[in-house]
Protein backbone atom coordinates (compact mmCIF):
# COMPACT_ATOMS: atom_id res chain seq x y z
CA MET A 1 4.53 -16.74 -0.41
CA PRO A 2 2.29 -16.96 2.68
CA PHE A 3 1.29 -13.71 4.30
CA ASN A 4 2.75 -14.62 7.69
CA ARG A 5 6.18 -15.10 6.12
CA LEU A 6 5.93 -11.71 4.41
CA ILE A 7 4.99 -10.03 7.68
CA LEU A 8 7.88 -11.73 9.50
CA ILE A 9 10.43 -10.78 6.83
CA GLY A 10 9.07 -7.22 6.82
CA PHE A 11 9.37 -7.00 10.60
CA ILE A 12 12.96 -8.26 10.55
CA LEU A 13 13.89 -5.77 7.83
CA VAL A 14 12.31 -2.87 9.74
CA VAL A 15 14.23 -3.86 12.88
CA ILE A 16 17.48 -4.00 10.89
CA GLY A 17 16.60 -0.63 9.38
CA ALA A 18 16.19 0.79 12.89
CA VAL A 19 19.28 -0.85 14.40
CA LEU A 20 21.68 0.28 11.67
CA PRO A 21 21.17 4.03 12.30
CA PHE A 22 21.45 3.40 16.03
CA LEU A 23 24.81 1.70 15.48
CA ILE A 24 25.88 4.60 13.27
CA VAL A 25 24.96 7.15 15.95
CA MET A 26 26.81 5.13 18.59
CA ARG A 27 29.83 5.17 16.22
CA ILE A 28 30.03 1.38 16.07
CA LEU A 29 29.48 1.48 12.29
CA PRO A 30 30.99 4.16 10.09
CA SER A 31 28.59 6.67 8.62
CA ASN A 32 29.10 6.33 4.90
CA PHE A 33 26.79 6.44 1.92
CA THR A 34 26.52 2.65 1.56
CA VAL A 35 25.51 1.97 5.16
CA ASN A 36 23.02 4.86 5.16
CA ILE A 37 21.38 3.68 1.94
CA LEU A 38 21.32 0.10 3.27
CA ALA A 39 19.55 1.26 6.44
CA TYR A 40 17.01 3.28 4.46
CA ALA A 41 16.41 0.49 1.93
CA THR A 42 15.89 -2.23 4.55
CA SER A 43 13.49 -0.09 6.52
CA THR A 44 11.49 0.91 3.43
CA LEU A 45 11.41 -2.60 2.00
CA GLY A 46 10.35 -3.99 5.40
CA ILE A 47 7.44 -1.56 5.60
CA PHE A 48 6.30 -2.42 2.07
CA LEU A 49 6.51 -6.17 2.68
CA GLY A 50 4.66 -5.83 5.98
CA VAL A 51 1.86 -3.80 4.38
CA ILE A 52 1.56 -6.29 1.50
CA GLY A 53 1.47 -9.19 3.99
CA VAL A 54 -1.25 -7.53 6.06
CA ALA A 55 -3.26 -6.75 2.91
CA MET A 56 -3.02 -10.41 1.86
CA TYR A 57 -4.18 -11.49 5.32
CA VAL A 58 -7.14 -9.11 5.30
CA GLY A 59 -8.14 -10.24 1.80
CA GLU A 60 -8.01 -13.88 2.79
CA GLU A 61 -10.05 -13.31 5.95
CA ARG A 62 -12.67 -11.32 4.04
CA ARG A 63 -12.91 -14.09 1.47
CA LYS A 64 -13.42 -16.66 4.25
CA ARG A 65 -16.12 -14.58 5.93
CA LYS A 66 -17.90 -13.97 2.63
CA ASP A 67 -17.89 -17.69 1.91
CA ASP A 68 -19.24 -18.42 5.40
CA TYR A 69 -21.92 -15.79 4.93
CA ASP A 70 -22.92 -17.20 1.54
CA ASP A 71 -22.96 -20.76 2.92
CA HIS A 72 -25.19 -19.65 5.77
CA TRP A 73 -27.83 -18.26 3.37
CA ASP A 74 -27.57 -21.19 0.98
CA ASP A 75 -28.65 -23.59 3.74
CA ARG A 76 -32.06 -21.95 4.07
């Protein structure tokens, strides 16, 4: 899966994980165990997916720069 898709899914999950407690506090959603666990799980999973996506992006960019650096010295 491409890193940008992971970051986007992670962002959406974190937003859902932040909106659900807000809706619970505003008494739009009932505060029960299932909704609370769902809010916690979406937020946590979103953070993990976002961090993995950013790590994949950084790794890819480092690999590109290393290849460019090696190509630069091979030309001489």
